[in-house]
Amino acid sequence: MANVPWCMIGDFNAISTTSEKRGGRPPNYASTIEFNNVMSTAGLIDIGFQGPRFTWSNNRLGLARISARLDRAFVNHVWLSKYNTSSLFHLPYVGSDHKPILLSTS
């Protein structure tokens, strides 16, 4: 399977850095390390994104608001070689607590 392009996209319910969360309890640093280690061991790379930083919100206002980047796309090196212009877009909210994300390969 090492020569097959892989893409995993969706809600991972985890952050990879403490800067990917705002509000609420402080992020669990050990959990971010574990998440990054799992993805690295699997040979997966976060392709980044365009658009607003956070993809999830608890939909509260003011100091009660919590936002985080939970939705993302991971790919392997084979994917990057084949689809080197891939981009992930964070789109505006449309009724869910998660923003839709769109993966473009062109």
N, C-alpha and C. Protein backbone atom coordinates (compact mmCIF):
# COMPACT_ATOMS: atom_id res chain seq x y z
N MET A 1 0.82 -1.20 0.00
CA MET A 1 0.00 0.00 0.00
C MET A 1 0.86 1.27 0.00
N ALA A 2 2.17 1.11 0.13
CA ALA A 2 3.05 2.27 0.19
C ALA A 2 3.06 3.06 -1.11
N ASN A 3 2.71 2.43 -2.23
CA ASN A 3 2.73 3.12 -3.52
C ASN A 3 1.35 3.58 -3.96
N VAL A 4 0.40 3.60 -3.05
CA VAL A 4 -0.98 3.99 -3.35
C VAL A 4 -1.24 5.37 -2.75
N PRO A 5 -1.85 6.29 -3.51
CA PRO A 5 -2.17 7.60 -2.92
C PRO A 5 -3.25 7.47 -1.85
N TRP A 6 -2.99 8.07 -0.71
CA TRP A 6 -3.93 8.05 0.42
C TRP A 6 -4.35 9.47 0.78
N CYS A 7 -5.64 9.62 1.06
CA CYS A 7 -6.17 10.88 1.58
C CYS A 7 -7.19 10.54 2.65
N MET A 8 -7.01 11.10 3.83
CA MET A 8 -7.99 10.98 4.91
C MET A 8 -8.50 12.38 5.20
N ILE A 9 -9.80 12.56 5.09
CA ILE A 9 -10.39 13.89 5.25
C ILE A 9 -11.61 13.79 6.15
N GLY A 10 -11.74 14.77 7.05
CA GLY A 10 -12.93 14.78 7.89
C GLY A 10 -12.69 15.39 9.25
N ASP A 11 -13.59 15.07 10.17
CA ASP A 11 -13.55 15.56 11.55
C ASP A 11 -12.72 14.59 12.38
N PHE A 12 -11.52 15.01 12.76
CA PHE A 12 -10.64 14.17 13.56
C PHE A 12 -10.86 14.38 15.06
N ASN A 13 -11.65 15.38 15.42
CA ASN A 13 -11.95 15.68 16.82
C ASN A 13 -10.68 15.81 17.65
N ALA A 14 -9.65 16.39 17.03
CA ALA A 14 -8.36 16.58 17.69
C ALA A 14 -7.68 17.79 17.06
N ILE A 15 -6.81 18.41 17.84
CA ILE A 15 -6.01 19.52 17.32
C ILE A 15 -4.55 19.07 17.27
N SER A 16 -3.78 19.67 16.37
CA SER A 16 -2.38 19.28 16.25
C SER A 16 -1.43 20.27 16.92
N THR A 17 -1.91 21.47 17.21
CA THR A 17 -1.13 22.45 17.97
C THR A 17 -2.09 23.19 18.91
N THR A 18 -1.55 23.74 19.97
CA THR A 18 -2.40 24.46 20.92
C THR A 18 -3.01 25.71 20.30
N SER A 19 -2.43 26.23 19.22
CA SER A 19 -2.98 27.42 18.56
C SER A 19 -4.24 27.10 17.75
N GLU A 20 -4.58 25.82 17.61
CA GLU A 20 -5.77 25.44 16.85
C GLU A 20 -7.03 25.40 17.71
N LYS A 21 -6.96 25.96 18.91
CA LYS A 21 -8.14 26.02 19.78
C LYS A 21 -8.17 27.37 20.46
N ARG A 22 -9.37 27.92 20.58
CA ARG A 22 -9.56 29.19 21.28
C ARG A 22 -10.75 29.03 22.21
N GLY A 23 -10.56 29.45 23.47
CA GLY A 23 -11.63 29.42 24.45
C GLY A 23 -11.71 28.09 25.18
N GLY A 24 -12.53 28.06 26.22
CA GLY A 24 -12.71 26.84 26.99
C GLY A 24 -11.49 26.48 27.81
N ARG A 25 -11.41 25.22 28.19
CA ARG A 25 -10.25 24.73 28.94
C ARG A 25 -9.00 24.79 28.08
N PRO A 26 -7.83 24.93 28.70
CA PRO A 26 -6.60 24.91 27.91
C PRO A 26 -6.47 23.58 27.16
N PRO A 27 -5.89 23.61 25.97
CA PRO A 27 -5.71 22.37 25.21
C PRO A 27 -4.82 21.38 25.96
N ASN A 28 -5.05 20.11 25.75
CA ASN A 28 -4.24 19.05 26.34
C ASN A 28 -3.03 18.84 25.44
N TYR A 29 -1.88 19.32 25.89
CA TYR A 29 -0.66 19.26 25.08
C TYR A 29 -0.27 17.82 24.76
N ALA A 30 -0.42 16.91 25.72
CA ALA A 30 -0.07 15.50 25.50
C ALA A 30 -0.93 14.89 24.38
N SER A 31 -2.19 15.29 24.31
CA SER A 31 -3.08 14.78 23.25
C SER A 31 -2.63 15.27 21.88
N THR A 32 -2.15 16.51 21.80
CA THR A 32 -1.67 17.02 20.50
C THR A 32 -0.44 16.25 20.05
N ILE A 33 0.45 15.94 21.00
CA ILE A 33 1.66 15.17 20.67
C ILE A 33 1.27 13.78 20.18
N GLU A 34 0.33 13.14 20.87
CA GLU A 34 -0.11 11.79 20.48
C GLU A 34 -0.74 11.80 19.08
N PHE A 35 -1.60 12.78 18.82
CA PHE A 35 -2.25 12.90 17.51
C PHE A 35 -1.20 13.06 16.41
N ASN A 36 -0.24 13.95 16.62
CA ASN A 36 0.81 14.17 15.63
C ASN A 36 1.67 12.92 15.42
N ASN A 37 1.96 12.21 16.51
CA ASN A 37 2.76 10.98 16.40
C ASN A 37 2.05 9.91 15.59
N VAL A 38 0.74 9.75 15.81
CA VAL A 38 -0.03 8.76 15.05
C VAL A 38 0.00 9.09 13.56
N MET A 39 -0.24 10.34 13.22
CA MET A 39 -0.25 10.73 11.81
C MET A 39 1.14 10.59 11.18
N SER A 40 2.17 10.95 11.92
CA SER A 40 3.54 10.83 11.42
C SER A 40 3.92 9.36 11.22
N THR A 41 3.57 8.51 12.17
CA THR A 41 3.85 7.07 12.06
C THR A 41 3.14 6.48 10.84
N ALA A 42 1.95 6.97 10.55
CA ALA A 42 1.19 6.50 9.39
C ALA A 42 1.71 7.10 8.08
N GLY A 43 2.67 8.02 8.17
CA GLY A 43 3.22 8.64 6.98
C GLY A 43 2.30 9.66 6.35
N LEU A 44 1.43 10.28 7.17
CA LEU A 44 0.45 11.23 6.65
C LEU A 44 0.86 12.67 6.95
N ILE A 45 0.53 13.56 6.03
CA ILE A 45 0.91 14.97 6.10
C ILE A 45 -0.36 15.81 6.02
N ASP A 46 -0.48 16.78 6.91
CA ASP A 46 -1.60 17.73 6.87
C ASP A 46 -1.34 18.68 5.71
N ILE A 47 -2.29 18.78 4.76
CA ILE A 47 -2.04 19.62 3.58
C ILE A 47 -2.32 21.10 3.83
N GLY A 48 -2.70 21.45 5.06
CA GLY A 48 -2.99 22.85 5.35
C GLY A 48 -4.38 23.23 4.86
N PHE A 49 -4.63 24.53 4.76
CA PHE A 49 -5.97 24.98 4.37
C PHE A 49 -5.93 26.42 3.91
N GLN A 50 -7.02 26.82 3.28
CA GLN A 50 -7.26 28.22 2.94
C GLN A 50 -8.60 28.60 3.55
N GLY A 51 -8.67 29.81 4.08
CA GLY A 51 -9.91 30.27 4.69
C GLY A 51 -9.76 30.47 6.19
N PRO A 52 -10.89 30.62 6.89
CA PRO A 52 -10.85 30.84 8.33
C PRO A 52 -10.11 29.71 9.06
N ARG A 53 -9.44 30.07 10.15
CA ARG A 53 -8.60 29.11 10.88
C ARG A 53 -9.40 27.99 11.53
N PHE A 54 -10.55 28.28 12.12
CA PHE A 54 -11.29 27.28 12.88
C PHE A 54 -12.41 26.67 12.04
N THR A 55 -12.66 25.37 12.25
CA THR A 55 -13.71 24.67 11.50
C THR A 55 -14.87 24.24 12.38
N TRP A 56 -14.75 24.42 13.67
CA TRP A 56 -15.80 24.01 14.61
C TRP A 56 -16.00 25.11 15.64
N SER A 57 -17.25 25.25 16.10
CA SER A 57 -17.57 26.18 17.18
C SER A 57 -18.72 25.60 17.98
N ASN A 58 -18.74 25.92 19.28
CA ASN A 58 -19.86 25.49 20.11
C ASN A 58 -21.06 26.42 19.95
N ASN A 59 -20.96 27.39 19.05
CA ASN A 59 -22.05 28.32 18.71
C ASN A 59 -22.50 29.19 19.86
N ARG A 60 -21.66 29.40 20.84
CA ARG A 60 -21.97 30.32 21.93
C ARG A 60 -21.31 31.66 21.65
N LEU A 61 -21.68 32.64 22.42
CA LEU A 61 -21.16 33.99 22.22
C LEU A 61 -20.24 34.39 23.36
N GLY A 62 -19.40 35.38 23.09
CA GLY A 62 -18.56 35.96 24.11
C GLY A 62 -17.57 34.99 24.72
N LEU A 63 -17.38 35.09 26.04
CA LEU A 63 -16.39 34.26 26.72
C LEU A 63 -16.74 32.78 26.74
N ALA A 64 -17.99 32.44 26.49
CA ALA A 64 -18.41 31.03 26.48
C ALA A 64 -18.10 30.34 25.14
N ARG A 65 -17.66 31.12 24.15
CA ARG A 65 -17.41 30.55 22.81
C ARG A 65 -16.12 29.74 22.80
N ILE A 66 -16.19 28.56 22.19
CA ILE A 66 -15.02 27.71 21.96
C ILE A 66 -14.95 27.43 20.47
N SER A 67 -13.77 27.61 19.90
CA SER A 67 -13.55 27.34 18.47
C SER A 67 -12.30 26.48 18.33
N ALA A 68 -12.28 25.63 17.31
CA ALA A 68 -11.11 24.78 17.08
C ALA A 68 -11.05 24.35 15.62
N ARG A 69 -9.86 23.97 15.20
CA ARG A 69 -9.68 23.37 13.87
C ARG A 69 -9.68 21.85 14.04
N LEU A 70 -10.84 21.24 13.85
CA LEU A 70 -10.99 19.79 14.03
C LEU A 70 -11.05 19.05 12.70
N ASP A 71 -11.42 19.76 11.64
CA ASP A 71 -11.63 19.15 10.33
C ASP A 71 -10.42 19.44 9.45
N ARG A 72 -9.90 18.42 8.80
CA ARG A 72 -8.67 18.58 8.02
C ARG A 72 -8.52 17.46 7.02
N ALA A 73 -7.46 17.55 6.22
CA ALA A 73 -7.13 16.50 5.26
C ALA A 73 -5.67 16.11 5.45
N PHE A 74 -5.45 14.81 5.55
CA PHE A 74 -4.10 14.25 5.60
C PHE A 74 -3.88 13.43 4.33
N VAL A 75 -2.68 13.52 3.78
CA VAL A 75 -2.33 12.76 2.58
C VAL A 75 -0.95 12.14 2.78
N ASN A 76 -0.62 11.16 1.93
CA ASN A 76 0.73 10.61 1.96
C ASN A 76 1.56 11.21 0.82
N HIS A 77 2.84 10.85 0.77
CA HIS A 77 3.73 11.41 -0.25
C HIS A 77 3.30 11.04 -1.66
N VAL A 78 2.74 9.85 -1.83
CA VAL A 78 2.27 9.43 -3.15
C VAL A 78 1.15 10.34 -3.62
N TRP A 79 0.23 10.68 -2.72
CA TRP A 79 -0.86 11.60 -3.05
C TRP A 79 -0.28 12.95 -3.47
N LEU A 80 0.68 13.46 -2.68
CA LEU A 80 1.27 14.77 -3.00
C LEU A 80 1.95 14.75 -4.36
N SER A 81 2.59 13.66 -4.71
CA SER A 81 3.24 13.56 -6.02
C SER A 81 2.23 13.56 -7.15
N LYS A 82 1.11 12.87 -6.94
CA LYS A 82 0.10 12.75 -7.99
C LYS A 82 -0.81 13.98 -8.07
N TYR A 83 -1.15 14.54 -6.92
CA TYR A 83 -2.08 15.69 -6.84
C TYR A 83 -1.37 16.86 -6.16
N ASN A 84 -0.28 17.32 -6.75
CA ASN A 84 0.56 18.33 -6.10
C ASN A 84 -0.08 19.71 -6.01
N THR A 85 -1.22 19.91 -6.64
CA THR A 85 -1.91 21.21 -6.52
C THR A 85 -3.12 21.12 -5.59
N SER A 86 -3.20 20.06 -4.80
CA SER A 86 -4.34 19.89 -3.88
C SER A 86 -4.42 21.05 -2.89
N SER A 87 -5.64 21.48 -2.63
CA SER A 87 -5.89 22.54 -1.65
C SER A 87 -7.14 22.18 -0.86
N LEU A 88 -7.12 22.50 0.42
CA LEU A 88 -8.29 22.31 1.28
C LEU A 88 -8.85 23.68 1.61
N PHE A 89 -10.15 23.84 1.44
CA PHE A 89 -10.81 25.11 1.71
C PHE A 89 -11.78 24.95 2.88
N HIS A 90 -11.70 25.87 3.84
CA HIS A 90 -12.69 25.96 4.92
C HIS A 90 -13.78 26.90 4.42
N LEU A 91 -14.99 26.40 4.31
CA LEU A 91 -16.11 27.17 3.78
C LEU A 91 -16.93 27.77 4.92
N PRO A 92 -17.83 28.72 4.64
CA PRO A 92 -18.66 29.33 5.69
C PRO A 92 -19.63 28.31 6.31
N TYR A 93 -20.00 28.59 7.56
CA TYR A 93 -21.00 27.76 8.24
C TYR A 93 -22.31 27.76 7.44
N VAL A 94 -23.00 26.61 7.44
CA VAL A 94 -24.29 26.52 6.75
C VAL A 94 -25.35 25.86 7.63
N GLY A 95 -25.17 25.87 8.93
CA GLY A 95 -26.20 25.33 9.82
C GLY A 95 -25.68 24.31 10.81
N SER A 96 -24.50 23.80 10.63
CA SER A 96 -23.90 22.84 11.54
C SER A 96 -22.94 23.56 12.48
N ASP A 97 -22.46 22.86 13.49
CA ASP A 97 -21.41 23.45 14.32
C ASP A 97 -20.04 23.30 13.66
N HIS A 98 -19.97 22.57 12.54
CA HIS A 98 -18.74 22.43 11.76
C HIS A 98 -18.89 23.17 10.44
N LYS A 99 -17.81 23.82 10.02
CA LYS A 99 -17.79 24.39 8.67
C LYS A 99 -17.56 23.27 7.68
N PRO A 100 -18.19 23.32 6.52
CA PRO A 100 -17.85 22.33 5.50
C PRO A 100 -16.43 22.57 5.00
N ILE A 101 -15.78 21.51 4.59
CA ILE A 101 -14.46 21.63 3.99
C ILE A 101 -14.52 21.03 2.59
N LEU A 102 -13.73 21.61 1.70
CA LEU A 102 -13.73 21.19 0.30
C LEU A 102 -12.29 20.91 -0.12
N LEU A 103 -12.05 19.71 -0.63
CA LEU A 103 -10.73 19.35 -1.13
C LEU A 103 -10.73 19.48 -2.65
N SER A 104 -9.84 20.32 -3.16
CA SER A 104 -9.69 20.50 -4.60
C SER A 104 -8.38 19.84 -5.02
N THR A 105 -8.42 19.09 -6.12
CA THR A 105 -7.21 18.45 -6.63
C THR A 105 -6.72 19.09 -7.92
N SER A 106 -7.28 20.26 -8.27
CA SER A 106 -6.85 20.92 -9.50
C SER A 106 -6.45 22.35 -9.23
